[in-house]
Amino acid sequence: MNPLMNEVSFRNSYLLMRHGESDANVSGVIVSDPKIGCERFGLTDRGSKQIIASVKGFTGEAITQIVCSDFLRTLQTAQLVANTLNLPQPEQEAGLRERFFGKWEGMSAEHYENIWQRDEMDKHSDDGVERPQEVAQRGLMVLERLEQQYQGEVILLVSHGDMLQILSTSIAGISPHKHRSLPHHQTGEIKYLVAQH
């Protein structure tokens, strides 16, 4: 088990933000391959407006650092946050990438429900889908690195729906395959993962 799971307190506060509405959301397709997602399927105009409104409406601790997935939709989201708050450009972190959906890549987003049902039963086939435990480990490794690198910061992690849900279950002490038991993380939404105060 990752040592972070047993820690009582963190050195930093962590906020989670899901990217704004993207071309993939509007098209209803699964885009999880970095070769595609890092180059294409960025934010829609509506998605950009979602991000600016979300940041301006956020009343929590003042964000001091931004770390994001290197997918285009998350990078554009993080850059908008940085520009809105007059913060340095975000740090890109491959560990926060979208969960890889294997053979479902490029197919209809309707398949998410079947994958999540399988997650709930903790049953997996050989379709190449990244398992929740693997996604959790990636996210926890990012947190572990940031905990070593920073102290007293308020760090916004900009990532993707499944990564954020699964990372949240890990911190809450819930098994990663039960990630859909948490409220769905909406596009552009900011939530606390860890609050120091």
C-alpha atoms as a PDB file:
ATOM      1  CA  MET A   1       0.000   0.000   0.000  1.00  0.00           C
ATOM      2  CA  ASN A   2       1.213   3.477  -0.796  1.00  0.00           C
ATOM      3  CA  PRO A   3       2.439   5.235   2.351  1.00  0.00           C
ATOM      4  CA  LEU A   4       0.238   8.252   1.573  1.00  0.00           C
ATOM      5  CA  MET A   5      -2.804   6.102   2.312  1.00  0.00           C
ATOM      6  CA  ASN A   6      -1.762   5.879   5.955  1.00  0.00           C
ATOM      7  CA  GLU A   7      -0.698   9.478   6.508  1.00  0.00           C
ATOM      8  CA  VAL A   8      -2.838  11.567   8.805  1.00  0.00           C
ATOM      9  CA  SER A   9      -1.812  14.931   7.399  1.00  0.00           C
ATOM     10  CA  PHE A  10      -0.363  16.392   4.222  1.00  0.00           C
ATOM     11  CA  ARG A  11       2.167  19.174   3.778  1.00  0.00           C
ATOM     12  CA  ASN A  12      -0.001  20.852   1.110  1.00  0.00           C
ATOM     13  CA  SER A  13      -3.660  21.372   0.286  1.00  0.00           C
ATOM     14  CA  TYR A  14      -4.870  19.740  -2.925  1.00  0.00           C
ATOM     15  CA  LEU A  15      -7.756  20.731  -5.144  1.00  0.00           C
ATOM     16  CA  LEU A  16      -9.086  18.684  -8.052  1.00  0.00           C
ATOM     17  CA  MET A  17     -10.423  20.171 -11.264  1.00  0.00           C
ATOM     18  CA  ARG A  18     -11.828  18.256 -14.189  1.00  0.00           C
ATOM     19  CA  HIS A  19     -11.132  19.778 -17.598  1.00  0.00           C
ATOM     20  CA  GLY A  20     -13.838  21.868 -19.200  1.00  0.00           C
ATOM     21  CA  GLU A  21     -16.178  20.559 -21.880  1.00  0.00           C
ATOM     22  CA  SER A  22     -14.017  19.182 -24.694  1.00  0.00           C
ATOM     23  CA  ASP A  23     -14.474  18.219 -28.319  1.00  0.00           C
ATOM     24  CA  ALA A  24     -14.407  14.582 -27.153  1.00  0.00           C
ATOM     25  CA  ASN A  25     -17.323  15.221 -24.763  1.00  0.00           C
ATOM     26  CA  VAL A  26     -19.360  16.880 -27.514  1.00  0.00           C
ATOM     27  CA  SER A  27     -18.489  14.191 -30.067  1.00  0.00           C
ATOM     28  CA  GLY A  28     -19.322  11.437 -27.568  1.00  0.00           C
ATOM     29  CA  VAL A  29     -16.084   9.519 -28.192  1.00  0.00           C
ATOM     30  CA  ILE A  30     -13.526   7.972 -25.860  1.00  0.00           C
ATOM     31  CA  VAL A  31     -10.129   9.675 -26.213  1.00  0.00           C
ATOM     32  CA  SER A  32      -7.601   8.101 -23.833  1.00  0.00           C
ATOM     33  CA  ASP A  33      -4.571   7.404 -26.032  1.00  0.00           C
ATOM     34  CA  PRO A  34      -1.876  10.026 -25.352  1.00  0.00           C
ATOM     35  CA  LYS A  35      -0.853   9.963 -29.034  1.00  0.00           C
ATOM     36  CA  ILE A  36      -4.299  11.375 -29.818  1.00  0.00           C
ATOM     37  CA  GLY A  37      -5.331  13.168 -26.627  1.00  0.00           C
ATOM     38  CA  CYS A  38      -2.139  15.196 -26.275  1.00  0.00           C
ATOM     39  CA  GLU A  39      -2.560  16.604 -29.784  1.00  0.00           C
ATOM     40  CA  ARG A  40      -6.309  16.814 -30.422  1.00  0.00           C
ATOM     41  CA  PHE A  41      -9.730  17.138 -28.782  1.00  0.00           C
ATOM     42  CA  GLY A  42      -9.167  20.348 -26.855  1.00  0.00           C
ATOM     43  CA  LEU A  43     -11.716  22.552 -25.117  1.00  0.00           C
ATOM     44  CA  THR A  44     -14.878  23.852 -26.761  1.00  0.00           C
ATOM     45  CA  ASP A  45     -15.780  27.549 -26.418  1.00  0.00           C
ATOM     46  CA  ARG A  46     -18.328  26.501 -23.810  1.00  0.00           C
ATOM     47  CA  GLY A  47     -15.630  24.545 -21.997  1.00  0.00           C
ATOM     48  CA  SER A  48     -13.363  27.586 -21.839  1.00  0.00           C
ATOM     49  CA  LYS A  49     -16.197  29.673 -20.402  1.00  0.00           C
ATOM     50  CA  GLN A  50     -16.928  26.937 -17.844  1.00  0.00           C
ATOM     51  CA  ILE A  51     -13.351  27.107 -16.585  1.00  0.00           C
ATOM     52  CA  ILE A  52     -13.223  30.879 -16.223  1.00  0.00           C
ATOM     53  CA  ALA A  53     -16.599  30.914 -14.427  1.00  0.00           C
ATOM     54  CA  SER A  54     -15.542  28.075 -12.132  1.00  0.00           C
ATOM     55  CA  VAL A  55     -12.277  29.771 -11.165  1.00  0.00           C
ATOM     56  CA  LYS A  56     -13.932  33.148 -10.565  1.00  0.00           C
ATOM     57  CA  GLY A  57     -16.633  31.506  -8.461  1.00  0.00           C
ATOM     58  CA  PHE A  58     -14.251  29.447  -6.320  1.00  0.00           C
ATOM     59  CA  THR A  59     -14.165  30.679  -2.710  1.00  0.00           C
ATOM     60  CA  GLY A  60     -11.655  28.275  -1.156  1.00  0.00           C
ATOM     61  CA  GLU A  61      -7.968  28.761  -0.424  1.00  0.00           C
ATOM     62  CA  ALA A  62      -5.976  30.774  -2.955  1.00  0.00           C
ATOM     63  CA  ILE A  63      -4.366  28.415  -5.471  1.00  0.00           C
ATOM     64  CA  THR A  64      -0.577  28.747  -5.609  1.00  0.00           C
ATOM     65  CA  GLN A  65       0.479  25.916  -7.962  1.00  0.00           C
ATOM     66  CA  ILE A  66      -1.165  24.163 -10.916  1.00  0.00           C
ATOM     67  CA  VAL A  67      -0.236  20.652 -12.044  1.00  0.00           C
ATOM     68  CA  CYS A  68      -2.044  19.100 -15.015  1.00  0.00           C
ATOM     69  CA  SER A  69      -2.299  16.123 -17.320  1.00  0.00           C
ATOM     70  CA  ASP A  70      -0.506  16.709 -20.621  1.00  0.00           C
ATOM     71  CA  PHE A  71      -3.628  15.955 -22.670  1.00  0.00           C
ATOM     72  CA  LEU A  72      -4.706  18.969 -24.742  1.00  0.00           C
ATOM     73  CA  ARG A  73      -8.040  19.412 -22.946  1.00  0.00           C
ATOM     74  CA  THR A  74      -6.443  19.448 -19.484  1.00  0.00           C
ATOM     75  CA  LEU A  75      -3.481  21.580 -20.529  1.00  0.00           C
ATOM     76  CA  GLN A  76      -5.790  24.201 -22.056  1.00  0.00           C
ATOM     77  CA  THR A  77      -7.904  24.107 -18.883  1.00  0.00           C
ATOM     78  CA  ALA A  78      -4.867  24.582 -16.641  1.00  0.00           C
ATOM     79  CA  GLN A  79      -3.511  27.408 -18.806  1.00  0.00           C
ATOM     80  CA  LEU A  80      -6.861  29.217 -18.579  1.00  0.00           C
ATOM     81  CA  VAL A  81      -6.795  28.868 -14.783  1.00  0.00           C
ATOM     82  CA  ALA A  82      -3.232  30.198 -14.649  1.00  0.00           C
ATOM     83  CA  ASN A  83      -4.071  33.157 -16.883  1.00  0.00           C
ATOM     84  CA  THR A  84      -7.236  33.968 -14.917  1.00  0.00           C
ATOM     85  CA  LEU A  85      -5.398  33.896 -11.573  1.00  0.00           C
ATOM     86  CA  ASN A  86      -2.128  35.422 -12.837  1.00  0.00           C
ATOM     87  CA  LEU A  87      -0.184  32.314 -11.817  1.00  0.00           C
ATOM     88  CA  PRO A  88       2.863  30.729 -13.497  1.00  0.00           C
ATOM     89  CA  GLN A  89       2.151  28.362 -16.349  1.00  0.00           C
ATOM     90  CA  PRO A  90       1.094  24.902 -15.146  1.00  0.00           C
ATOM     91  CA  GLU A  91       3.434  21.974 -14.660  1.00  0.00           C
ATOM     92  CA  GLN A  92       2.568  19.067 -16.947  1.00  0.00           C
ATOM     93  CA  GLU A  93       2.434  15.653 -15.289  1.00  0.00           C
ATOM     94  CA  ALA A  94       1.950  12.454 -17.334  1.00  0.00           C
ATOM     95  CA  GLY A  95       0.861  10.657 -14.155  1.00  0.00           C
ATOM     96  CA  LEU A  96      -2.417  12.616 -14.243  1.00  0.00           C
ATOM     97  CA  ARG A  97      -3.340  11.459 -17.749  1.00  0.00           C
ATOM     98  CA  GLU A  98      -6.717  10.037 -18.672  1.00  0.00           C
ATOM     99  CA  ARG A  99      -7.338   6.430 -17.716  1.00  0.00           C
ATOM    100  CA  PHE A 100      -6.462   4.283 -20.727  1.00  0.00           C
ATOM    101  CA  PHE A 101      -9.537   2.564 -22.151  1.00  0.00           C
ATOM    102  CA  GLY A 102      -7.822   0.008 -24.379  1.00  0.00           C
ATOM    103  CA  LYS A 103      -9.876  -1.385 -27.231  1.00  0.00           C
ATOM    104  CA  TRP A 104     -12.654   1.130 -26.529  1.00  0.00           C
ATOM    105  CA  GLU A 105     -10.417   3.993 -27.726  1.00  0.00           C
ATOM    106  CA  GLY A 106     -12.230   6.075 -30.351  1.00  0.00           C
ATOM    107  CA  MET A 107     -15.539   4.328 -29.699  1.00  0.00           C
ATOM    108  CA  SER A 108     -18.778   5.736 -28.277  1.00  0.00           C
ATOM    109  CA  ALA A 109     -18.680   7.207 -24.768  1.00  0.00           C
ATOM    110  CA  GLU A 110     -21.739   5.023 -24.061  1.00  0.00           C
ATOM    111  CA  HIS A 111     -19.238   2.232 -23.323  1.00  0.00           C
ATOM    112  CA  TYR A 112     -18.105   4.014 -20.143  1.00  0.00           C
ATOM    113  CA  GLU A 113     -21.138   2.664 -18.278  1.00  0.00           C
ATOM    114  CA  ASN A 114     -20.236  -0.952 -19.081  1.00  0.00           C
ATOM    115  CA  ILE A 115     -16.648  -0.396 -17.966  1.00  0.00           C
ATOM    116  CA  TRP A 116     -17.775   1.240 -14.716  1.00  0.00           C
ATOM    117  CA  GLN A 117     -20.188  -1.631 -14.012  1.00  0.00           C
ATOM    118  CA  ARG A 118     -17.294  -4.021 -14.467  1.00  0.00           C
ATOM    119  CA  ASP A 119     -15.179  -1.872 -12.139  1.00  0.00           C
ATOM    120  CA  GLU A 120     -17.922  -2.086  -9.501  1.00  0.00           C
ATOM    121  CA  MET A 121     -17.800  -5.899  -9.632  1.00  0.00           C
ATOM    122  CA  ASP A 122     -13.972  -5.784  -9.749  1.00  0.00           C
ATOM    123  CA  LYS A 123     -14.049  -7.944 -12.883  1.00  0.00           C
ATOM    124  CA  HIS A 124     -11.733  -7.245 -15.799  1.00  0.00           C
ATOM    125  CA  SER A 125     -11.226  -8.772 -19.216  1.00  0.00           C
ATOM    126  CA  ASP A 126      -8.285  -8.589 -21.606  1.00  0.00           C
ATOM    127  CA  ASP A 127      -9.579  -5.511 -23.470  1.00  0.00           C
ATOM    128  CA  GLY A 128      -6.619  -3.370 -22.405  1.00  0.00           C
ATOM    129  CA  VAL A 129      -8.553  -1.089 -20.036  1.00  0.00           C
ATOM    130  CA  GLU A 130      -6.341   0.304 -17.273  1.00  0.00           C
ATOM    131  CA  ARG A 131      -7.535  -1.090 -13.951  1.00  0.00           C
ATOM    132  CA  PRO A 132      -8.715   1.257 -11.190  1.00  0.00           C
ATOM    133  CA  GLN A 133      -5.886   0.116  -8.906  1.00  0.00           C
ATOM    134  CA  GLU A 134      -3.343   1.081 -11.577  1.00  0.00           C
ATOM    135  CA  VAL A 135      -4.954   4.488 -12.061  1.00  0.00           C
ATOM    136  CA  ALA A 136      -4.946   5.022  -8.284  1.00  0.00           C
ATOM    137  CA  GLN A 137      -1.270   4.147  -8.042  1.00  0.00           C
ATOM    138  CA  ARG A 138      -0.390   6.663 -10.770  1.00  0.00           C
ATOM    139  CA  GLY A 139      -2.286   9.417  -8.981  1.00  0.00           C
ATOM    140  CA  LEU A 140      -0.819   8.582  -5.585  1.00  0.00           C
ATOM    141  CA  MET A 141       2.693   8.643  -7.013  1.00  0.00           C
ATOM    142  CA  VAL A 142       2.051  12.183  -8.261  1.00  0.00           C
ATOM    143  CA  LEU A 143       0.865  13.212  -4.788  1.00  0.00           C
ATOM    144  CA  GLU A 144       3.881  11.581  -3.198  1.00  0.00           C
ATOM    145  CA  ARG A 145       6.241  13.541  -5.455  1.00  0.00           C
ATOM    146  CA  LEU A 146       4.447  16.828  -4.818  1.00  0.00           C
ATOM    147  CA  GLU A 147       4.547  16.205  -1.067  1.00  0.00           C
ATOM    148  CA  GLN A 148       8.317  15.847  -1.294  1.00  0.00           C
ATOM    149  CA  GLN A 149       8.707  18.891  -3.529  1.00  0.00           C
ATOM    150  CA  TYR A 150       6.395  21.436  -1.845  1.00  0.00           C
ATOM    151  CA  GLN A 151       5.238  22.508   1.598  1.00  0.00           C
ATOM    152  CA  GLY A 152       2.424  24.892   2.513  1.00  0.00           C
ATOM    153  CA  GLU A 153       1.173  25.219  -1.074  1.00  0.00           C
ATOM    154  CA  VAL A 154      -2.376  25.023  -2.416  1.00  0.00           C
ATOM    155  CA  ILE A 155      -2.005  22.819  -5.473  1.00  0.00           C
ATOM    156  CA  LEU A 156      -4.679  22.450  -8.153  1.00  0.00           C
ATOM    157  CA  LEU A 157      -4.561  19.107  -9.960  1.00  0.00           C
ATOM    158  CA  VAL A 158      -6.225  19.364 -13.381  1.00  0.00           C
ATOM    159  CA  SER A 159      -7.113  15.954 -14.751  1.00  0.00           C
ATOM    160  CA  HIS A 160      -9.862  13.686 -16.115  1.00  0.00           C
ATOM    161  CA  GLY A 161     -13.068  12.229 -14.708  1.00  0.00           C
ATOM    162  CA  ASP A 162     -11.947   8.690 -13.907  1.00  0.00           C
ATOM    163  CA  MET A 163      -8.534   9.735 -12.580  1.00  0.00           C
ATOM    164  CA  LEU A 164     -10.130  12.277 -10.234  1.00  0.00           C
ATOM    165  CA  GLN A 165     -12.836   9.863  -9.042  1.00  0.00           C
ATOM    166  CA  ILE A 166     -10.348   7.055  -8.439  1.00  0.00           C
ATOM    167  CA  LEU A 167      -7.794   9.273  -6.696  1.00  0.00           C
ATOM    168  CA  SER A 168     -10.555  10.608  -4.447  1.00  0.00           C
ATOM    169  CA  THR A 169     -11.585   7.096  -3.392  1.00  0.00           C
ATOM    170  CA  SER A 170      -7.981   6.288  -2.503  1.00  0.00           C
ATOM    171  CA  ILE A 171      -7.657   9.299  -0.215  1.00  0.00           C
ATOM    172  CA  ALA A 172     -11.096   8.594   1.304  1.00  0.00           C
ATOM    173  CA  GLY A 173     -10.064   5.013   2.102  1.00  0.00           C
ATOM    174  CA  ILE A 174     -12.512   3.511  -0.410  1.00  0.00           C
ATOM    175  CA  SER A 175     -11.403   0.725  -2.754  1.00  0.00           C
ATOM    176  CA  PRO A 176     -10.539   2.170  -6.212  1.00  0.00           C
ATOM    177  CA  HIS A 177     -12.999  -0.143  -7.987  1.00  0.00           C
ATOM    178  CA  LYS A 178     -15.832   1.581  -6.056  1.00  0.00           C
ATOM    179  CA  HIS A 179     -15.013   4.972  -7.619  1.00  0.00           C
ATOM    180  CA  ARG A 180     -18.515   5.464  -9.015  1.00  0.00           C
ATOM    181  CA  SER A 181     -19.863   5.484  -5.446  1.00  0.00           C
ATOM    182  CA  LEU A 182     -18.631   9.087  -5.208  1.00  0.00           C
ATOM    183  CA  PRO A 183     -20.556  11.988  -6.796  1.00  0.00           C
ATOM    184  CA  HIS A 184     -19.688  12.419 -10.470  1.00  0.00           C
ATOM    185  CA  HIS A 185     -16.999  15.067 -11.069  1.00  0.00           C
ATOM    186  CA  GLN A 186     -18.523  17.527 -13.545  1.00  0.00           C
ATOM    187  CA  THR A 187     -16.550  19.274 -16.295  1.00  0.00           C
ATOM    188  CA  GLY A 188     -14.897  22.410 -14.951  1.00  0.00           C
ATOM    189  CA  GLU A 189     -15.784  21.559 -11.341  1.00  0.00           C
ATOM    190  CA  ILE A 190     -13.291  22.259  -8.532  1.00  0.00           C
ATOM    191  CA  LYS A 191     -13.346  20.062  -5.414  1.00  0.00           C
ATOM    192  CA  TYR A 192     -11.088  19.613  -2.419  1.00  0.00           C
ATOM    193  CA  LEU A 193      -9.058  16.426  -2.187  1.00  0.00           C
ATOM    194  CA  VAL A 194      -7.022  17.415   0.893  1.00  0.00           C
ATOM    195  CA  ALA A 195      -7.475  20.603   2.937  1.00  0.00           C
ATOM    196  CA  GLN A 196      -4.793  21.555   5.413  1.00  0.00           C
ATOM    197  CA  HIS A 197      -7.107  23.783   7.413  1.00  0.00           C
END
